[in-house]
Amino acid sequence: MASTARELADKTPVTRDRYMDLLRVASLGTVVIGHWLMAVVSTDDAGQLQIGNLLAKVPQLQVLTWALQIMPVFFFVGGFSHALSYRSLERKSEGTSVYAAFLRARLQRLLRPTMVFILVWGAAALILQLIGGSPHLADITLRLVPQPLWFIGIYLAMVAFTPPLLKLHERHGWAAFGGLVAAAAAVDVLRFAAGVPYLEFLNFAFVWLAIHQLGFLRADGKLRMPSVLAATGLLGAGALVAFGPYPLSMVGMPGEKISNMAPPTFALLCHGLWLVGAVELVRRPAVRWLERPKVWRTVVAANGISMTAFLWHLTAMLGVYGVLIGLDVTLPAPATAAWWAQVPLRMAAAAVLTALLVAAFRSFERPAPAAHTTTRATTTRAAGSGPLAALGIALCLFGVLGLSMVGYGDLLEGRSALLIAFRVTAPASVAMALAGWFLVERAGKGRV
């Protein structure tokens, strides 16, 4: 029987770092609010729906991304949690595959709600295409709702690389982090100064894994000068934007030749350093605040549904716009006084609809009971589960990344997108994600 938030909060060990739980919730919540605020849907003179980005309409607001582009904090928290989890499993292992058990333990609450989201929207896409529906609105919806899955793909890569990078950290400490930073800088130098093509995609690994590595340092208590980290990152990002080829926005903008996000740039890495330093600076007062029982229970409850809310928040936002269109409510031009006046109402409605979706799907985010594999037979079976788990996470990664790129639009027409060196379709992406999830689950249980 599932424990309530109050019971879980009351059982929290004194050694738990509650601040990292708060950062996890706060970072995902900031992303949700940012998406609700930035997405603008309007109608043109011909009555056709148009979707755009508020930051493209009002470029002066792009500076807000230096606070709202909070994903580096989530990946920083991930590094901290992954280090603790992997070390705990290493201590408890009895010849079983630590890697497979680690993947399953870290990915249960991530992959299960994700796979439900993928399957539900896959079925909805098929139904929408078969009945015809509203072609333009349906196309917008089917194209947009899978886009946040890119974050799931990046996170999967971080989990997959945790064991070797944690060993590297334990041997070299700050030097391991410095190596990733140097590699990210070298990629940008070769990209912008030497014009070397395709090399920039390596920074999907170097930039995000460097932020992830900061979580390892935090787990070992080595982030002792957050003010220096914050100042270095802020000054570095400011200088790169002011004097380099980097745009002001820390999220991608429509039509930009260079994006700080896709692929990530060294400016985004500096932005991540600034954010990690900033959140560490306010840790002590936040920890005192979290000692209040009601506050901690709220954080525990929010952590139990945060991934489900993240997955479904765009669905809720587009659902609100769909209701407005169905009721023939005028959609004002973006960034006008009338548009700003509607913002609080739209966001409140999106929050209510997200809550309903969370109520419907939250059970899939609850972790399954831990499997006990202590017998010799089970240990023998689990010995080869590490490679199977690695294959599983690779399939999941390519599946969710592919789906985030191609979307569900034109599902029956075989629409495709280029993922690294090969083209993927929505059905192929769904199949890879499901197959990978199955392999990770089976390998982690030691039943291979």
Protein backbone atom coordinates (compact mmCIF):
# COMPACT_ATOMS: atom_id res chain seq x y z
CA MET A 1 0.00 0.00 0.00
CA ALA A 2 1.38 3.40 -1.02
CA SER A 3 2.48 5.71 1.80
CA THR A 4 1.02 9.19 2.04
CA ALA A 5 3.15 12.31 1.78
CA ARG A 6 2.72 12.87 5.51
CA GLU A 7 3.97 9.36 6.32
CA LEU A 8 6.94 9.70 3.99
CA ALA A 9 7.78 13.12 5.43
CA ASP A 10 7.61 11.79 8.97
CA LYS A 11 9.95 8.92 8.08
CA THR A 12 12.58 11.17 6.48
CA PRO A 13 16.01 10.30 7.92
CA VAL A 14 17.92 13.16 9.50
CA THR A 15 20.78 12.55 7.08
CA ARG A 16 18.68 13.34 3.99
CA ASP A 17 19.59 16.52 2.12
CA ARG A 18 16.13 18.05 1.90
CA TYR A 19 17.37 21.06 -0.04
CA MET A 20 18.16 18.90 -3.08
CA ASP A 21 14.57 17.63 -3.05
CA LEU A 22 13.37 21.22 -3.04
CA LEU A 23 15.63 22.08 -5.97
CA ARG A 24 14.27 19.17 -7.98
CA VAL A 25 10.68 20.31 -7.50
CA ALA A 26 11.49 23.99 -7.99
CA SER A 27 13.44 23.42 -11.21
CA LEU A 28 10.69 21.37 -12.85
CA GLY A 29 8.05 23.83 -11.63
CA THR A 30 9.99 26.74 -13.12
CA VAL A 31 10.19 24.97 -16.48
CA VAL A 32 6.43 24.38 -16.45
CA ILE A 33 5.64 28.02 -15.64
CA GLY A 34 8.15 29.20 -18.24
CA HIS A 35 6.54 27.08 -20.96
CA TRP A 36 3.06 28.30 -20.05
CA LEU A 37 4.24 31.90 -20.19
CA MET A 38 6.34 31.71 -23.36
CA ALA A 39 3.94 29.80 -25.61
CA VAL A 40 1.60 32.14 -27.50
CA VAL A 41 -1.32 30.95 -29.61
CA SER A 42 -3.19 33.43 -31.78
CA THR A 43 -5.15 33.62 -35.02
CA ASP A 44 -3.98 35.40 -38.15
CA ASP A 45 -6.08 37.49 -40.55
CA ALA A 46 -7.20 34.33 -42.35
CA GLY A 47 -8.41 32.81 -39.10
CA GLN A 48 -5.65 30.20 -38.99
CA LEU A 49 -4.06 29.31 -35.64
CA GLN A 50 -0.49 30.45 -35.15
CA ILE A 51 1.81 29.38 -32.33
CA GLY A 52 4.92 31.29 -31.41
CA ASN A 53 7.25 32.26 -28.60
CA LEU A 54 6.74 35.33 -26.43
CA LEU A 55 10.49 35.85 -26.23
CA ALA A 56 10.68 36.09 -30.02
CA LYS A 57 7.84 38.62 -30.03
CA VAL A 58 9.45 40.70 -27.24
CA PRO A 59 13.25 40.15 -27.49
CA GLN A 60 13.87 42.37 -24.46
CA LEU A 61 12.37 39.60 -22.29
CA GLN A 62 15.04 37.09 -23.34
CA VAL A 63 17.16 38.16 -20.38
CA LEU A 64 14.57 36.35 -18.21
CA THR A 65 15.96 33.05 -19.50
CA TRP A 66 19.03 33.68 -17.34
CA ALA A 67 16.78 32.83 -14.40
CA LEU A 68 14.03 30.73 -16.01
CA GLN A 69 16.30 28.34 -17.97
CA ILE A 70 16.68 26.25 -14.86
CA MET A 71 17.33 22.79 -16.35
CA PRO A 72 21.03 22.90 -15.33
CA VAL A 73 19.87 22.86 -11.70
CA PHE A 74 17.81 19.71 -12.30
CA PHE A 75 20.81 17.96 -13.87
CA PHE A 76 23.00 19.14 -10.99
CA VAL A 77 20.54 17.55 -8.54
CA GLY A 78 20.59 14.44 -10.70
CA GLY A 79 24.35 14.11 -10.35
CA PHE A 80 24.07 14.43 -6.57
CA SER A 81 21.33 11.77 -6.35
CA HIS A 82 23.02 9.40 -8.79
CA ALA A 83 26.27 9.45 -6.82
CA LEU A 84 24.51 8.56 -3.57
CA SER A 85 22.35 5.88 -5.20
CA TYR A 86 25.18 4.14 -7.04
CA ARG A 87 27.43 4.08 -3.99
CA SER A 88 24.60 2.68 -1.87
CA LEU A 89 24.00 -0.15 -4.35
CA GLU A 90 27.73 -0.89 -4.52
CA ARG A 91 27.81 -1.36 -0.76
CA LYS A 92 24.83 -3.73 -0.86
CA SER A 93 25.81 -5.74 -3.94
CA GLU A 94 26.48 -9.45 -3.59
CA GLY A 95 27.80 -10.34 -7.01
CA THR A 96 24.77 -9.02 -8.88
CA SER A 97 25.02 -6.43 -11.64
CA VAL A 98 25.25 -3.09 -9.84
CA TYR A 99 24.88 -1.25 -13.15
CA ALA A 100 21.59 -2.94 -14.06
CA ALA A 101 20.18 -2.50 -10.55
CA PHE A 102 21.25 1.17 -10.58
CA LEU A 103 19.53 1.84 -13.91
CA ARG A 104 16.30 0.25 -12.79
CA ALA A 105 16.34 2.01 -9.42
CA ARG A 106 16.99 5.46 -10.95
CA LEU A 107 14.68 5.08 -13.94
CA GLN A 108 11.54 3.50 -12.47
CA ARG A 109 9.88 6.81 -11.59
CA LEU A 110 11.08 8.36 -14.84
CA LEU A 111 10.36 5.75 -17.48
CA ARG A 112 7.02 4.41 -16.27
CA PRO A 113 5.12 7.72 -16.44
CA THR A 114 7.01 8.55 -19.64
CA MET A 115 5.96 5.34 -21.37
CA VAL A 116 2.35 5.89 -20.32
CA PHE A 117 2.52 9.41 -21.75
CA ILE A 118 3.99 8.09 -25.02
CA LEU A 119 1.35 5.37 -25.38
CA VAL A 120 -1.62 7.60 -24.50
CA TRP A 121 -0.57 10.30 -26.95
CA GLY A 122 0.26 7.70 -29.58
CA ALA A 123 -3.27 6.34 -29.35
CA ALA A 124 -4.71 9.88 -29.37
CA ALA A 125 -2.66 10.75 -32.47
CA LEU A 126 -3.95 7.70 -34.29
CA ILE A 127 -7.56 8.49 -33.38
CA LEU A 128 -7.21 12.16 -34.37
CA GLN A 129 -5.86 11.22 -37.77
CA LEU A 130 -8.51 8.57 -38.38
CA ILE A 131 -11.45 10.86 -37.55
CA GLY A 132 -10.01 13.92 -39.28
CA GLY A 133 -10.70 16.33 -36.38
CA SER A 134 -9.37 19.86 -36.69
CA PRO A 135 -6.31 19.37 -38.90
CA HIS A 136 -4.44 22.55 -38.00
CA LEU A 137 -5.04 22.46 -34.25
CA ALA A 138 -4.38 18.72 -34.17
CA ASP A 139 -1.10 19.17 -36.06
CA ILE A 140 0.08 21.85 -33.62
CA THR A 141 -0.80 19.68 -30.64
CA LEU A 142 0.73 16.49 -32.00
CA ARG A 143 3.91 18.33 -32.92
CA LEU A 144 4.35 20.14 -29.61
CA VAL A 145 3.41 17.74 -26.80
CA PRO A 146 6.36 15.32 -27.29
CA GLN A 147 9.00 18.09 -27.49
CA PRO A 148 9.87 18.13 -23.75
CA LEU A 149 10.96 14.50 -24.11
CA TRP A 150 14.39 15.82 -25.19
CA PHE A 151 15.00 16.44 -21.49
CA ILE A 152 14.19 12.80 -20.70
CA GLY A 153 16.70 11.69 -23.32
CA ILE A 154 19.49 13.85 -21.90
CA TYR A 155 18.72 12.63 -18.39
CA LEU A 156 18.86 9.00 -19.57
CA ALA A 157 22.36 9.64 -20.93
CA MET A 158 23.43 11.08 -17.59
CA VAL A 159 22.19 8.01 -15.74
CA ALA A 160 23.93 5.73 -18.24
CA PHE A 161 27.29 7.51 -17.85
CA THR A 162 27.13 7.84 -14.06
CA PRO A 163 29.26 4.78 -13.14
CA PRO A 164 32.35 5.59 -15.27
CA LEU A 165 32.17 9.33 -14.62
CA LEU A 166 31.71 8.75 -10.89
CA LYS A 167 34.87 6.62 -10.90
CA LEU A 168 36.64 9.40 -12.79
CA HIS A 169 35.43 11.89 -10.19
CA GLU A 170 36.58 9.73 -7.29
CA ARG A 171 40.04 9.51 -8.81
CA HIS A 172 40.51 13.10 -10.04
CA GLY A 173 37.89 15.28 -8.28
CA TRP A 174 37.73 18.81 -9.70
CA ALA A 175 40.09 17.81 -12.51
CA ALA A 176 37.44 15.48 -13.96
CA PHE A 177 34.97 18.35 -14.03
CA GLY A 178 37.65 20.61 -15.52
CA GLY A 179 38.29 18.11 -18.29
CA LEU A 180 34.65 18.20 -19.37
CA VAL A 181 34.66 22.02 -19.25
CA ALA A 182 37.82 22.13 -21.36
CA ALA A 183 36.31 19.71 -23.86
CA ALA A 184 33.16 21.86 -24.18
CA ALA A 185 35.30 24.97 -24.72
CA ALA A 186 37.43 23.20 -27.34
CA VAL A 187 34.33 22.13 -29.26
CA ASP A 188 33.08 25.73 -29.47
CA VAL A 189 36.50 27.04 -30.51
CA LEU A 190 36.69 24.50 -33.33
CA ARG A 191 33.08 25.21 -34.26
CA PHE A 192 33.17 29.00 -34.38
CA ALA A 193 36.83 29.81 -35.00
CA ALA A 194 37.81 26.94 -37.28
CA GLY A 195 34.42 26.13 -38.81
CA VAL A 196 34.72 22.40 -38.17
CA PRO A 197 31.29 20.91 -39.01
CA TYR A 198 29.21 18.53 -36.89
CA LEU A 199 31.61 18.72 -33.93
CA GLU A 200 29.15 20.92 -32.02
CA PHE A 201 26.91 17.93 -31.30
CA LEU A 202 29.53 16.58 -28.88
CA ASN A 203 28.50 19.35 -26.51
CA PHE A 204 25.22 17.57 -25.88
CA ALA A 205 27.49 15.33 -23.80
CA PHE A 206 30.25 17.65 -22.57
CA VAL A 207 28.05 20.55 -21.42
CA TRP A 208 25.35 18.59 -19.64
CA LEU A 209 27.74 16.02 -18.17
CA ALA A 210 29.90 18.84 -16.76
CA ILE A 211 26.84 20.17 -14.88
CA HIS A 212 26.03 16.63 -13.80
CA GLN A 213 29.62 16.29 -12.51
CA LEU A 214 29.03 19.28 -10.22
CA GLY A 215 26.43 17.11 -8.49
CA PHE A 216 29.15 14.57 -7.68
CA LEU A 217 31.25 17.35 -6.16
CA ARG A 218 28.25 18.50 -4.13
CA ALA A 219 27.68 14.94 -2.88
CA ASP A 220 31.26 14.89 -1.56
CA GLY A 221 30.99 18.32 0.04
CA LYS A 222 33.49 19.94 -2.33
CA LEU A 223 31.41 22.92 -3.49
CA ARG A 224 32.77 25.19 -0.80
CA MET A 225 32.87 28.53 -2.64
CA PRO A 226 29.52 28.91 -4.43
CA SER A 227 29.98 32.69 -4.73
CA VAL A 228 33.09 32.14 -6.85
CA LEU A 229 31.25 29.59 -9.00
CA ALA A 230 28.27 31.92 -9.48
CA ALA A 231 30.42 34.96 -10.29
CA THR A 232 32.64 33.00 -12.70
CA GLY A 233 29.64 31.60 -14.53
CA LEU A 234 27.76 34.90 -14.71
CA LEU A 235 30.77 36.90 -15.88
CA GLY A 236 31.73 34.19 -18.35
CA ALA A 237 28.26 33.94 -19.85
CA GLY A 238 27.97 37.73 -20.01
CA ALA A 239 31.30 38.11 -21.78
CA LEU A 240 30.54 35.35 -24.28
CA VAL A 241 27.17 36.89 -25.16
CA ALA A 242 28.56 40.44 -25.32
CA PHE A 243 31.69 39.70 -27.36
CA GLY A 244 31.14 36.29 -28.92
CA PRO A 245 28.73 34.72 -31.39
CA TYR A 246 26.31 33.58 -28.67
CA PRO A 247 22.69 34.84 -28.48
CA LEU A 248 21.23 36.43 -25.35
CA SER A 249 18.55 33.78 -24.84
CA MET A 250 19.49 30.63 -22.97
CA VAL A 251 16.67 28.78 -24.72
CA GLY A 252 16.26 28.25 -28.45
CA MET A 253 14.53 30.96 -30.46
CA PRO A 254 12.64 30.41 -33.73
CA GLY A 255 14.73 31.30 -36.78
CA GLU A 256 18.03 31.83 -34.92
CA LYS A 257 21.16 30.66 -36.72
CA ILE A 258 22.83 29.87 -33.41
CA SER A 259 21.07 28.47 -30.36
CA ASN A 260 22.57 28.14 -26.91
CA MET A 261 20.44 25.04 -26.38
CA ALA A 262 20.58 22.82 -29.44
CA PRO A 263 23.36 21.95 -29.46
CA PRO A 264 24.43 23.35 -26.08
CA THR A 265 27.16 26.00 -26.14
CA PHE A 266 29.91 26.99 -23.76
CA ALA A 267 27.76 30.02 -22.89
CA LEU A 268 25.05 27.65 -21.62
CA LEU A 269 27.66 25.83 -19.54
CA CYS A 270 28.67 29.15 -17.95
CA HIS A 271 24.99 29.84 -17.34
CA GLY A 272 24.75 26.49 -15.56
CA LEU A 273 27.71 27.36 -13.35
CA TRP A 274 26.05 30.63 -12.39
CA LEU A 275 22.79 28.91 -11.49
CA VAL A 276 24.42 26.15 -9.44
CA GLY A 277 26.46 28.72 -7.54
CA ALA A 278 23.37 30.87 -6.98
CA VAL A 279 21.22 28.06 -5.56
CA GLU A 280 24.06 26.96 -3.30
CA LEU A 281 24.34 30.50 -1.94
CA VAL A 282 20.78 30.38 -0.58
CA ARG A 283 21.02 26.83 0.75
CA ARG A 284 21.31 27.63 4.47
CA PRO A 285 18.14 29.75 4.82
CA ALA A 286 16.28 27.27 2.61
CA VAL A 287 17.35 24.36 4.82
CA ARG A 288 16.00 26.18 7.89
CA TRP A 289 12.72 26.77 6.05
CA LEU A 290 12.49 23.08 5.14
CA GLU A 291 12.65 22.13 8.81
CA ARG A 292 9.02 23.24 9.11
CA PRO A 293 6.84 20.11 8.93
CA LYS A 294 4.20 21.61 6.61
CA VAL A 295 6.83 22.91 4.19
CA TRP A 296 8.63 19.56 4.04
CA ARG A 297 5.38 17.63 3.57
CA THR A 298 4.56 19.90 0.65
CA VAL A 299 7.95 19.24 -0.95
CA VAL A 300 7.54 15.48 -0.44
CA ALA A 301 4.07 15.55 -2.01
CA ALA A 302 5.28 17.64 -4.95
CA ASN A 303 8.23 15.31 -5.56
CA GLY A 304 5.83 12.41 -5.84
CA ILE A 305 4.03 13.95 -8.82
CA SER A 306 6.60 16.30 -10.37
CA MET A 307 7.54 14.13 -13.35
CA THR A 308 3.91 13.40 -14.18
CA ALA A 309 3.12 17.12 -14.05
CA PHE A 310 6.11 17.90 -16.28
CA LEU A 311 5.07 15.35 -18.89
CA TRP A 312 1.47 16.58 -19.10
CA HIS A 313 1.82 20.36 -18.63
CA LEU A 314 1.93 21.16 -22.36
CA THR A 315 -1.11 18.96 -22.90
CA ALA A 316 -2.92 21.04 -20.28
CA MET A 317 -1.82 24.34 -21.82
CA LEU A 318 -2.97 23.36 -25.31
CA GLY A 319 -6.17 21.99 -23.81
CA VAL A 320 -6.90 25.42 -22.33
CA TYR A 321 -6.37 27.04 -25.72
CA GLY A 322 -8.59 24.40 -27.28
CA VAL A 323 -11.40 25.26 -24.86
CA LEU A 324 -10.99 28.97 -25.57
CA ILE A 325 -11.18 28.33 -29.30
CA GLY A 326 -14.18 26.03 -28.86
CA LEU A 327 -15.97 28.76 -26.86
CA ASP A 328 -15.07 31.30 -29.57
CA VAL A 329 -13.10 33.43 -27.10
CA THR A 330 -10.99 36.02 -28.87
CA LEU A 331 -7.27 35.27 -28.75
CA PRO A 332 -5.55 38.66 -28.56
CA ALA A 333 -2.31 39.47 -30.35
CA PRO A 334 0.72 38.32 -28.34
CA ALA A 335 2.30 40.75 -25.85
CA THR A 336 -0.57 43.24 -26.09
CA ALA A 337 -2.32 44.56 -22.97
CA ALA A 338 -5.27 42.23 -23.63
CA TRP A 339 -2.89 39.27 -23.98
CA TRP A 340 -1.16 40.05 -20.68
CA ALA A 341 -4.53 40.42 -18.99
CA GLN A 342 -5.42 36.86 -20.03
CA VAL A 343 -2.14 35.35 -18.78
CA PRO A 344 -3.15 34.79 -15.12
CA LEU A 345 -6.45 33.20 -16.15
CA ARG A 346 -4.84 30.93 -18.75
CA MET A 347 -2.12 29.82 -16.34
CA ALA A 348 -4.63 29.14 -13.56
CA ALA A 349 -6.75 27.08 -15.95
CA ALA A 350 -3.66 25.19 -17.14
CA ALA A 351 -2.75 24.46 -13.50
CA VAL A 352 -6.22 23.06 -12.83
CA LEU A 353 -6.13 20.88 -15.94
CA THR A 354 -2.61 19.70 -15.10
CA ALA A 355 -3.84 18.73 -11.62
CA LEU A 356 -6.61 16.65 -13.18
CA LEU A 357 -4.15 14.90 -15.49
CA VAL A 358 -1.81 14.27 -12.56
CA ALA A 359 -4.70 12.74 -10.60
CA ALA A 360 -5.36 10.42 -13.53
CA PHE A 361 -1.75 9.31 -14.12
CA ARG A 362 0.14 9.84 -10.86
CA SER A 363 0.04 6.16 -9.87
CA PHE A 364 2.54 5.34 -12.61
CA GLU A 365 5.17 7.54 -10.93
CA ARG A 366 5.13 5.51 -7.73
CA PRO A 367 8.14 3.18 -7.56
CA ALA A 368 7.47 -0.54 -7.53
CA PRO A 369 8.51 -2.56 -4.47
CA ALA A 370 12.19 -3.39 -4.54
CA ALA A 371 12.98 -6.89 -5.72
CA HIS A 372 15.21 -9.02 -3.47
CA THR A 373 17.81 -11.02 -5.38
CA THR A 374 19.84 -12.86 -2.81
CA THR A 375 19.86 -16.45 -3.99
CA ARG A 376 22.78 -17.97 -5.88
CA ALA A 377 20.54 -18.72 -8.89
CA THR A 378 19.42 -15.14 -9.14
CA THR A 379 22.99 -13.89 -8.72
CA THR A 380 24.11 -16.07 -11.60
CA ARG A 381 21.32 -14.89 -13.84
CA ALA A 382 22.08 -11.25 -13.04
CA ALA A 383 25.76 -11.54 -13.88
CA GLY A 384 25.17 -10.76 -17.55
CA SER A 385 22.45 -8.19 -17.07
CA GLY A 386 24.75 -5.16 -17.24
CA PRO A 387 25.17 -5.21 -21.07
CA LEU A 388 21.44 -5.85 -21.48
CA ALA A 389 20.66 -2.84 -19.29
CA ALA A 390 23.09 -0.71 -21.32
CA LEU A 391 21.33 -1.76 -24.52
CA GLY A 392 17.98 -0.96 -22.94
CA ILE A 393 18.91 2.55 -21.89
CA ALA A 394 20.42 3.22 -25.32
CA LEU A 395 17.16 2.21 -27.01
CA CYS A 396 15.16 4.36 -24.58
CA LEU A 397 17.43 7.32 -25.22
CA PHE A 398 17.13 7.14 -29.01
CA GLY A 399 13.41 6.44 -28.77
CA VAL A 400 12.48 9.46 -26.66
CA LEU A 401 14.90 11.78 -28.49
CA GLY A 402 13.52 10.64 -31.82
CA LEU A 403 9.95 11.20 -30.68
CA SER A 404 10.78 14.67 -29.36
CA MET A 405 12.09 15.57 -32.82
CA VAL A 406 9.52 13.97 -35.12
CA GLY A 407 6.39 14.38 -32.97
CA TYR A 408 3.14 12.58 -33.62
CA GLY A 409 2.06 14.64 -36.65
CA ASP A 410 1.32 12.74 -39.87
CA LEU A 411 1.61 9.49 -37.96
CA LEU A 412 0.11 7.41 -40.76
CA GLU A 413 2.10 9.14 -43.51
CA GLY A 414 5.50 8.06 -42.17
CA ARG A 415 6.81 11.52 -41.29
CA SER A 416 10.48 11.28 -40.25
CA ALA A 417 13.28 13.35 -38.72
CA LEU A 418 17.06 13.02 -38.78
CA LEU A 419 18.49 11.78 -35.49
CA ILE A 420 22.31 11.89 -35.64
CA ALA A 421 22.96 9.74 -38.72
CA PHE A 422 19.65 8.00 -39.38
CA ARG A 423 16.04 8.92 -39.91
CA VAL A 424 13.39 8.00 -37.36
CA THR A 425 9.61 7.92 -37.44
CA ALA A 426 7.15 8.15 -34.57
CA PRO A 427 6.26 4.41 -34.65
CA ALA A 428 9.94 3.42 -34.72
CA SER A 429 10.70 5.81 -31.83
CA VAL A 430 7.86 4.43 -29.75
CA ALA A 431 9.01 0.87 -30.43
CA MET A 432 12.61 1.67 -29.40
CA ALA A 433 11.49 3.41 -26.20
CA LEU A 434 9.21 0.54 -25.16
CA ALA A 435 11.77 -2.15 -25.99
CA GLY A 436 14.45 -0.29 -24.07
CA TRP A 437 12.22 0.16 -21.05
CA PHE A 438 11.42 -3.57 -21.04
CA LEU A 439 15.13 -4.47 -21.15
CA VAL A 440 16.03 -2.08 -18.32
CA GLU A 441 13.24 -3.48 -16.15
CA ARG A 442 14.16 -7.11 -16.83
CA ALA A 443 17.89 -6.56 -16.37
CA GLY A 444 17.40 -4.67 -13.10
CA LYS A 445 15.34 -7.53 -11.69
CA GLY A 446 18.05 -10.03 -12.58
CA ARG A 447 15.75 -12.09 -14.80
CA VAL A 448 17.77 -12.38 -17.97
